Amino acid sequence: MFQKILIAYDGSVGAERALEKASELAKLTGAALVVLTVYRHHSMLEASISMVRGALEPGGNLDAAMRDTARNAADYAKSHAKDAGVAKVSAFIKAGQPARTIISVATEKGADLIVVGSRGLGSTEGYLLGSVSHKVTGLADCPVLVV
């Protein structure tokens, strides 16, 4: 049925449910599971006024902190899928606009199913422009499962 399933994982409650469903499907079908965590690149201006800058180590930058957080989330999801019995799991992180990056990586990796949570860690931007899951369903060339 499915050969390669891409799960967009951001650590949110919705992404946890999506990870459970994607792992279940991958195990059931023998598909490879590709975990993708997308983080947003911040400009120097955004980083300079960020509320989290106080949490950064001296000399640290916001992009590095976002990248590390994304790496931790992707590694967790990969480990969780393996613990659930998925035989083939890989994990990637990418910087960019979430919906377009998910579509790009799904195409690049040859995914024949994309699994996303119905609600993620998105900002208020989602209320104005539409959610990531909604954008992915509109842009994808393969089936999308919104959990």
N, C-alpha and C. Protein backbone atom coordinates (compact mmCIF):
# COMPACT_ATOMS: atom_id res chain seq x y z
N MET A 1 0.82 -1.18 0.00
CA MET A 1 0.00 0.00 0.00
C MET A 1 0.87 1.25 0.00
N PHE A 2 1.54 1.55 1.13
CA PHE A 2 2.45 2.69 1.19
C PHE A 2 3.87 2.18 1.27
N GLN A 3 4.77 2.86 0.56
CA GLN A 3 6.19 2.51 0.60
C GLN A 3 6.98 3.44 1.52
N LYS A 4 6.57 4.73 1.53
CA LYS A 4 7.28 5.72 2.34
C LYS A 4 6.27 6.74 2.87
N ILE A 5 6.28 6.88 4.20
CA ILE A 5 5.36 7.80 4.87
C ILE A 5 6.18 8.91 5.51
N LEU A 6 5.80 10.16 5.23
CA LEU A 6 6.45 11.30 5.85
C LEU A 6 5.56 11.80 6.99
N ILE A 7 6.12 11.89 8.19
CA ILE A 7 5.42 12.45 9.33
C ILE A 7 6.04 13.80 9.66
N ALA A 8 5.22 14.85 9.64
CA ALA A 8 5.67 16.18 10.03
C ALA A 8 5.48 16.28 11.54
N TYR A 9 6.59 16.41 12.26
CA TYR A 9 6.54 16.34 13.72
C TYR A 9 7.15 17.60 14.33
N ASP A 10 6.37 18.29 15.18
CA ASP A 10 6.88 19.50 15.84
C ASP A 10 6.84 19.41 17.36
N GLY A 11 6.47 18.26 17.89
CA GLY A 11 6.45 18.09 19.34
C GLY A 11 5.13 18.47 19.99
N SER A 12 4.18 18.97 19.23
CA SER A 12 2.88 19.36 19.78
C SER A 12 2.03 18.12 20.08
N VAL A 13 0.94 18.34 20.78
CA VAL A 13 0.01 17.25 21.09
C VAL A 13 -0.54 16.65 19.80
N GLY A 14 -0.90 17.50 18.85
CA GLY A 14 -1.39 17.01 17.56
C GLY A 14 -0.35 16.19 16.82
N ALA A 15 0.89 16.62 16.88
CA ALA A 15 1.98 15.89 16.23
C ALA A 15 2.22 14.55 16.91
N GLU A 16 2.03 14.48 18.22
CA GLU A 16 2.16 13.20 18.94
C GLU A 16 1.13 12.21 18.43
N ARG A 17 -0.11 12.67 18.28
CA ARG A 17 -1.17 11.78 17.76
C ARG A 17 -0.84 11.37 16.32
N ALA A 18 -0.35 12.30 15.53
CA ALA A 18 0.01 11.98 14.15
C ALA A 18 1.15 10.97 14.10
N LEU A 19 2.12 11.11 15.01
CA LEU A 19 3.24 10.18 15.08
C LEU A 19 2.75 8.77 15.41
N GLU A 20 1.82 8.68 16.35
CA GLU A 20 1.26 7.37 16.71
C GLU A 20 0.60 6.73 15.49
N LYS A 21 -0.20 7.50 14.76
CA LYS A 21 -0.91 6.96 13.59
C LYS A 21 0.07 6.62 12.47
N ALA A 22 1.05 7.47 12.23
CA ALA A 22 2.03 7.20 11.17
C ALA A 22 2.85 5.96 11.50
N SER A 23 3.22 5.80 12.77
CA SER A 23 3.98 4.62 13.19
C SER A 23 3.14 3.36 13.01
N GLU A 24 1.88 3.45 13.38
CA GLU A 24 0.96 2.31 13.23
C GLU A 24 0.84 1.91 11.76
N LEU A 25 0.66 2.90 10.89
CA LEU A 25 0.53 2.62 9.44
C LEU A 25 1.83 2.06 8.86
N ALA A 26 2.96 2.63 9.27
CA ALA A 26 4.25 2.15 8.76
C ALA A 26 4.49 0.70 9.19
N LYS A 27 4.18 0.41 10.42
CA LYS A 27 4.36 -0.96 10.93
C LYS A 27 3.43 -1.91 10.20
N LEU A 28 2.18 -1.51 10.00
CA LEU A 28 1.17 -2.35 9.35
C LEU A 28 1.51 -2.63 7.89
N THR A 29 2.03 -1.62 7.18
CA THR A 29 2.29 -1.75 5.74
C THR A 29 3.75 -2.09 5.41
N GLY A 30 4.64 -1.99 6.40
CA GLY A 30 6.05 -2.22 6.14
C GLY A 30 6.72 -1.03 5.46
N ALA A 31 6.05 0.13 5.49
CA ALA A 31 6.59 1.33 4.85
C ALA A 31 7.73 1.92 5.68
N ALA A 32 8.62 2.61 5.00
CA ALA A 32 9.65 3.39 5.69
C ALA A 32 8.99 4.65 6.22
N LEU A 33 9.42 5.08 7.39
CA LEU A 33 8.88 6.30 8.01
C LEU A 33 9.95 7.38 7.99
N VAL A 34 9.60 8.53 7.44
CA VAL A 34 10.50 9.67 7.38
C VAL A 34 9.95 10.74 8.32
N VAL A 35 10.68 11.05 9.37
CA VAL A 35 10.30 12.08 10.32
C VAL A 35 10.91 13.40 9.85
N LEU A 36 10.07 14.44 9.79
CA LEU A 36 10.55 15.76 9.41
C LEU A 36 10.12 16.78 10.45
N THR A 37 11.08 17.52 10.97
CA THR A 37 10.79 18.65 11.85
C THR A 37 11.28 19.91 11.16
N VAL A 38 10.37 20.86 10.99
CA VAL A 38 10.69 22.11 10.32
C VAL A 38 10.76 23.22 11.36
N TYR A 39 11.83 24.00 11.30
CA TYR A 39 11.94 25.15 12.19
C TYR A 39 12.05 26.41 11.35
N ARG A 40 11.63 27.49 11.92
CA ARG A 40 11.61 28.76 11.21
C ARG A 40 12.93 29.49 11.38
N HIS A 41 13.48 29.94 10.29
CA HIS A 41 14.69 30.77 10.31
C HIS A 41 14.30 32.16 10.80
N HIS A 42 15.10 32.72 11.69
CA HIS A 42 14.84 34.06 12.20
C HIS A 42 15.89 35.04 11.68
N SER A 43 15.42 36.20 11.29
CA SER A 43 16.34 37.24 10.84
C SER A 43 17.08 37.80 12.06
N MET A 44 18.13 38.52 11.82
CA MET A 44 18.88 39.13 12.91
C MET A 44 17.99 40.09 13.70
N LEU A 45 17.11 40.81 13.02
CA LEU A 45 16.20 41.72 13.71
C LEU A 45 15.27 40.95 14.64
N GLU A 46 14.67 39.88 14.12
CA GLU A 46 13.77 39.07 14.96
C GLU A 46 14.51 38.49 16.15
N ALA A 47 15.71 38.02 15.91
CA ALA A 47 16.49 37.44 16.99
C ALA A 47 16.84 38.48 18.04
N SER A 48 17.08 39.72 17.60
CA SER A 48 17.47 40.75 18.56
C SER A 48 16.32 41.17 19.46
N ILE A 49 15.08 41.00 19.01
CA ILE A 49 13.94 41.38 19.84
C ILE A 49 13.18 40.18 20.39
N SER A 50 13.72 39.00 20.18
CA SER A 50 13.05 37.78 20.62
C SER A 50 12.92 37.72 22.14
N MET A 51 11.81 37.19 22.59
CA MET A 51 11.57 37.03 24.02
C MET A 51 12.42 35.91 24.60
N VAL A 52 12.94 35.01 23.76
CA VAL A 52 13.73 33.90 24.28
C VAL A 52 15.21 34.22 24.35
N ARG A 53 15.60 35.39 23.92
CA ARG A 53 17.03 35.67 23.90
C ARG A 53 17.65 35.57 25.28
N GLY A 54 16.86 35.85 26.31
CA GLY A 54 17.38 35.73 27.67
C GLY A 54 17.67 34.28 28.04
N ALA A 55 17.00 33.35 27.36
CA ALA A 55 17.21 31.92 27.64
C ALA A 55 18.42 31.38 26.90
N LEU A 56 18.94 32.15 25.96
CA LEU A 56 20.10 31.70 25.19
C LEU A 56 21.37 31.87 26.02
N GLU A 57 22.30 30.99 25.76
CA GLU A 57 23.61 31.14 26.40
C GLU A 57 24.28 32.39 25.83
N PRO A 58 25.12 33.03 26.61
CA PRO A 58 25.82 34.20 26.08
C PRO A 58 26.54 33.84 24.77
N GLY A 59 26.33 34.66 23.77
CA GLY A 59 26.94 34.42 22.47
C GLY A 59 26.13 33.48 21.60
N GLY A 60 25.05 32.88 22.15
CA GLY A 60 24.21 31.97 21.39
C GLY A 60 23.33 32.73 20.42
N ASN A 61 22.79 32.03 19.44
CA ASN A 61 21.87 32.70 18.53
C ASN A 61 20.57 31.91 18.43
N LEU A 62 19.53 32.60 18.05
CA LEU A 62 18.20 32.02 18.02
C LEU A 62 18.10 30.88 17.02
N ASP A 63 18.70 31.01 15.84
CA ASP A 63 18.66 29.93 14.86
C ASP A 63 19.27 28.65 15.41
N ALA A 64 20.39 28.77 16.11
CA ALA A 64 21.03 27.58 16.69
C ALA A 64 20.12 26.94 17.73
N ALA A 65 19.48 27.76 18.54
CA ALA A 65 18.56 27.23 19.55
C ALA A 65 17.36 26.55 18.89
N MET A 66 16.81 27.16 17.85
CA MET A 66 15.69 26.55 17.12
C MET A 66 16.11 25.25 16.46
N ARG A 67 17.30 25.23 15.87
CA ARG A 67 17.81 24.03 15.21
C ARG A 67 18.00 22.91 16.23
N ASP A 68 18.55 23.23 17.40
CA ASP A 68 18.76 22.22 18.44
C ASP A 68 17.43 21.67 18.94
N THR A 69 16.46 22.54 19.11
CA THR A 69 15.13 22.10 19.55
C THR A 69 14.50 21.19 18.50
N ALA A 70 14.64 21.57 17.23
CA ALA A 70 14.11 20.74 16.14
C ALA A 70 14.81 19.39 16.09
N ARG A 71 16.12 19.38 16.28
CA ARG A 71 16.88 18.12 16.27
C ARG A 71 16.40 17.21 17.41
N ASN A 72 16.20 17.78 18.59
CA ASN A 72 15.71 16.99 19.73
C ASN A 72 14.34 16.40 19.44
N ALA A 73 13.45 17.20 18.84
CA ALA A 73 12.11 16.72 18.51
C ALA A 73 12.18 15.58 17.48
N ALA A 74 12.98 15.76 16.44
CA ALA A 74 13.11 14.73 15.40
C ALA A 74 13.71 13.45 15.96
N ASP A 75 14.72 13.59 16.80
CA ASP A 75 15.34 12.40 17.41
C ASP A 75 14.36 11.67 18.31
N TYR A 76 13.56 12.43 19.08
CA TYR A 76 12.55 11.81 19.93
C TYR A 76 11.55 11.02 19.09
N ALA A 77 11.05 11.64 18.01
CA ALA A 77 10.06 10.98 17.16
C ALA A 77 10.63 9.72 16.52
N LYS A 78 11.87 9.79 16.08
CA LYS A 78 12.52 8.62 15.48
C LYS A 78 12.62 7.49 16.50
N SER A 79 13.06 7.82 17.69
CA SER A 79 13.19 6.83 18.75
C SER A 79 11.84 6.23 19.12
N HIS A 80 10.84 7.08 19.20
CA HIS A 80 9.49 6.63 19.55
C HIS A 80 8.95 5.66 18.49
N ALA A 81 9.16 5.99 17.22
CA ALA A 81 8.70 5.12 16.13
C ALA A 81 9.42 3.77 16.17
N LYS A 82 10.71 3.79 16.42
CA LYS A 82 11.45 2.53 16.53
C LYS A 82 10.94 1.70 17.70
N ASP A 83 10.68 2.36 18.82
CA ASP A 83 10.14 1.65 19.99
C ASP A 83 8.76 1.08 19.71
N ALA A 84 8.02 1.69 18.79
CA ALA A 84 6.68 1.22 18.42
C ALA A 84 6.75 0.06 17.42
N GLY A 85 7.97 -0.28 16.99
CA GLY A 85 8.14 -1.42 16.09
C GLY A 85 8.29 -1.09 14.62
N VAL A 86 8.50 0.18 14.28
CA VAL A 86 8.72 0.55 12.88
C VAL A 86 10.16 0.18 12.51
N ALA A 87 10.32 -0.62 11.47
CA ALA A 87 11.63 -1.15 11.12
C ALA A 87 12.55 -0.11 10.46
N LYS A 88 11.99 0.70 9.58
CA LYS A 88 12.80 1.67 8.82
C LYS A 88 12.35 3.08 9.16
N VAL A 89 13.21 3.80 9.90
CA VAL A 89 12.89 5.16 10.31
C VAL A 89 14.10 6.05 10.08
N SER A 90 13.86 7.22 9.49
CA SER A 90 14.90 8.24 9.36
C SER A 90 14.32 9.56 9.83
N ALA A 91 15.18 10.48 10.23
CA ALA A 91 14.72 11.77 10.74
C ALA A 91 15.54 12.90 10.15
N PHE A 92 14.86 13.98 9.80
CA PHE A 92 15.50 15.14 9.20
C PHE A 92 14.96 16.41 9.83
N ILE A 93 15.76 17.45 9.83
CA ILE A 93 15.29 18.78 10.21
C ILE A 93 15.60 19.72 9.06
N LYS A 94 14.74 20.69 8.88
CA LYS A 94 14.92 21.69 7.83
C LYS A 94 14.43 23.04 8.34
N ALA A 95 15.09 24.09 7.90
CA ALA A 95 14.63 25.44 8.18
C ALA A 95 13.76 25.89 7.03
N GLY A 96 12.69 26.59 7.35
CA GLY A 96 11.85 27.11 6.28
C GLY A 96 10.42 27.30 6.69
N GLN A 97 9.62 27.68 5.71
CA GLN A 97 8.18 27.83 5.92
C GLN A 97 7.61 26.41 6.01
N PRO A 98 6.90 26.06 7.08
CA PRO A 98 6.54 24.67 7.32
C PRO A 98 5.81 23.95 6.19
N ALA A 99 4.71 24.46 5.70
CA ALA A 99 3.93 23.73 4.69
C ALA A 99 4.74 23.48 3.42
N ARG A 100 5.37 24.51 2.92
CA ARG A 100 6.15 24.34 1.67
C ARG A 100 7.36 23.42 1.88
N THR A 101 7.96 23.48 3.05
CA THR A 101 9.10 22.61 3.34
C THR A 101 8.64 21.16 3.45
N ILE A 102 7.51 20.93 4.07
CA ILE A 102 6.97 19.57 4.17
C ILE A 102 6.72 19.00 2.78
N ILE A 103 6.11 19.79 1.91
CA ILE A 103 5.83 19.35 0.53
C ILE A 103 7.13 19.07 -0.21
N SER A 104 8.09 19.96 -0.07
CA SER A 104 9.37 19.82 -0.76
C SER A 104 10.09 18.54 -0.34
N VAL A 105 10.16 18.30 0.97
CA VAL A 105 10.85 17.11 1.46
C VAL A 105 10.07 15.84 1.09
N ALA A 106 8.75 15.89 1.13
CA ALA A 106 7.95 14.72 0.73
C ALA A 106 8.23 14.35 -0.72
N THR A 107 8.33 15.35 -1.58
CA THR A 107 8.65 15.11 -2.98
C THR A 107 10.07 14.57 -3.13
N GLU A 108 11.01 15.22 -2.46
CA GLU A 108 12.43 14.83 -2.51
C GLU A 108 12.64 13.40 -2.04
N LYS A 109 11.93 13.00 -0.99
CA LYS A 109 12.11 11.66 -0.41
C LYS A 109 11.20 10.61 -1.04
N GLY A 110 10.30 11.02 -1.93
CA GLY A 110 9.42 10.07 -2.60
C GLY A 110 8.32 9.53 -1.70
N ALA A 111 7.83 10.35 -0.79
CA ALA A 111 6.77 9.91 0.11
C ALA A 111 5.47 9.72 -0.66
N ASP A 112 4.76 8.65 -0.34
CA ASP A 112 3.45 8.44 -0.96
C ASP A 112 2.31 8.68 0.02
N LEU A 113 2.64 9.16 1.22
CA LEU A 113 1.66 9.61 2.20
C LEU A 113 2.34 10.60 3.13
N ILE A 114 1.62 11.69 3.44
CA ILE A 114 2.09 12.67 4.42
C ILE A 114 1.11 12.63 5.59
N VAL A 115 1.65 12.56 6.81
CA VAL A 115 0.81 12.56 8.00
C VAL A 115 1.16 13.82 8.80
N VAL A 116 0.13 14.60 9.14
CA VAL A 116 0.32 15.82 9.93
C VAL A 116 -0.74 15.89 11.02
N GLY A 117 -0.40 16.58 12.09
CA GLY A 117 -1.38 16.84 13.14
C GLY A 117 -2.31 17.96 12.72
N SER A 118 -3.53 17.94 13.27
CA SER A 118 -4.49 18.98 12.90
C SER A 118 -4.15 20.32 13.54
N ARG A 119 -3.43 20.28 14.64
CA ARG A 119 -2.98 21.50 15.31
C ARG A 119 -1.53 21.31 15.72
N GLY A 120 -0.72 22.33 15.48
CA GLY A 120 0.70 22.24 15.84
C GLY A 120 1.11 23.36 16.76
N LEU A 121 2.38 23.70 16.68
CA LEU A 121 2.94 24.75 17.52
C LEU A 121 2.93 26.11 16.83
N GLY A 122 2.15 26.23 15.74
CA GLY A 122 2.13 27.45 14.96
C GLY A 122 1.72 28.68 15.75
N SER A 123 2.09 29.83 15.24
CA SER A 123 1.79 31.11 15.89
C SER A 123 0.41 31.59 15.46
N THR A 124 0.09 32.79 15.83
CA THR A 124 -1.18 33.40 15.42
C THR A 124 -1.24 33.56 13.91
N GLU A 125 -0.12 33.43 13.24
CA GLU A 125 -0.10 33.49 11.78
C GLU A 125 -1.07 32.47 11.20
N GLY A 126 -1.20 31.33 11.87
CA GLY A 126 -2.11 30.28 11.40
C GLY A 126 -3.55 30.74 11.34
N TYR A 127 -3.96 31.61 12.26
CA TYR A 127 -5.33 32.10 12.25
C TYR A 127 -5.59 33.01 11.06
N LEU A 128 -4.57 33.72 10.64
CA LEU A 128 -4.74 34.67 9.54
C LEU A 128 -4.55 34.02 8.18
N LEU A 129 -3.60 33.12 8.07
CA LEU A 129 -3.24 32.57 6.77
C LEU A 129 -3.68 31.12 6.56
N GLY A 130 -4.18 30.46 7.58
CA GLY A 130 -4.56 29.07 7.47
C GLY A 130 -3.51 28.19 8.10
N SER A 131 -3.94 27.07 8.62
CA SER A 131 -3.03 26.18 9.33
C SER A 131 -2.08 25.45 8.38
N VAL A 132 -1.01 24.95 8.95
CA VAL A 132 -0.05 24.17 8.17
C VAL A 132 -0.73 22.96 7.56
N SER A 133 -1.53 22.26 8.34
CA SER A 133 -2.19 21.06 7.82
C SER A 133 -3.10 21.41 6.64
N HIS A 134 -3.80 22.52 6.73
CA HIS A 134 -4.67 22.95 5.63
C HIS A 134 -3.85 23.26 4.38
N LYS A 135 -2.74 23.96 4.55
CA LYS A 135 -1.88 24.29 3.41
C LYS A 135 -1.28 23.04 2.79
N VAL A 136 -0.85 22.10 3.63
CA VAL A 136 -0.25 20.86 3.10
C VAL A 136 -1.28 20.10 2.28
N THR A 137 -2.51 20.00 2.77
CA THR A 137 -3.53 19.26 2.01
C THR A 137 -3.79 19.92 0.66
N GLY A 138 -3.66 21.24 0.59
CA GLY A 138 -3.89 21.93 -0.67
C GLY A 138 -2.74 21.85 -1.64
N LEU A 139 -1.52 21.65 -1.14
CA LEU A 139 -0.34 21.67 -2.00
C LEU A 139 0.20 20.29 -2.37
N ALA A 140 -0.14 19.28 -1.62
CA ALA A 140 0.47 17.96 -1.80
C ALA A 140 -0.01 17.25 -3.06
N ASP A 141 0.93 16.51 -3.66
CA ASP A 141 0.61 15.68 -4.81
C ASP A 141 0.27 14.25 -4.40
N CYS A 142 0.44 13.94 -3.12
CA CYS A 142 0.13 12.61 -2.62
C CYS A 142 -0.93 12.74 -1.52
N PRO A 143 -1.53 11.64 -1.08
CA PRO A 143 -2.52 11.73 -0.02
C PRO A 143 -1.92 12.31 1.27
N VAL A 144 -2.76 13.03 2.01
CA VAL A 144 -2.38 13.63 3.29
C VAL A 144 -3.37 13.15 4.34
N LEU A 145 -2.86 12.62 5.43
CA LEU A 145 -3.70 12.20 6.55
C LEU A 145 -3.52 13.24 7.64
N VAL A 146 -4.61 13.92 7.99
CA VAL A 146 -4.60 14.89 9.07
C VAL A 146 -5.20 14.22 10.29
N VAL A 147 -4.38 14.14 11.35
CA VAL A 147 -4.82 13.43 12.56
C VAL A 147 -5.17 14.44 13.63
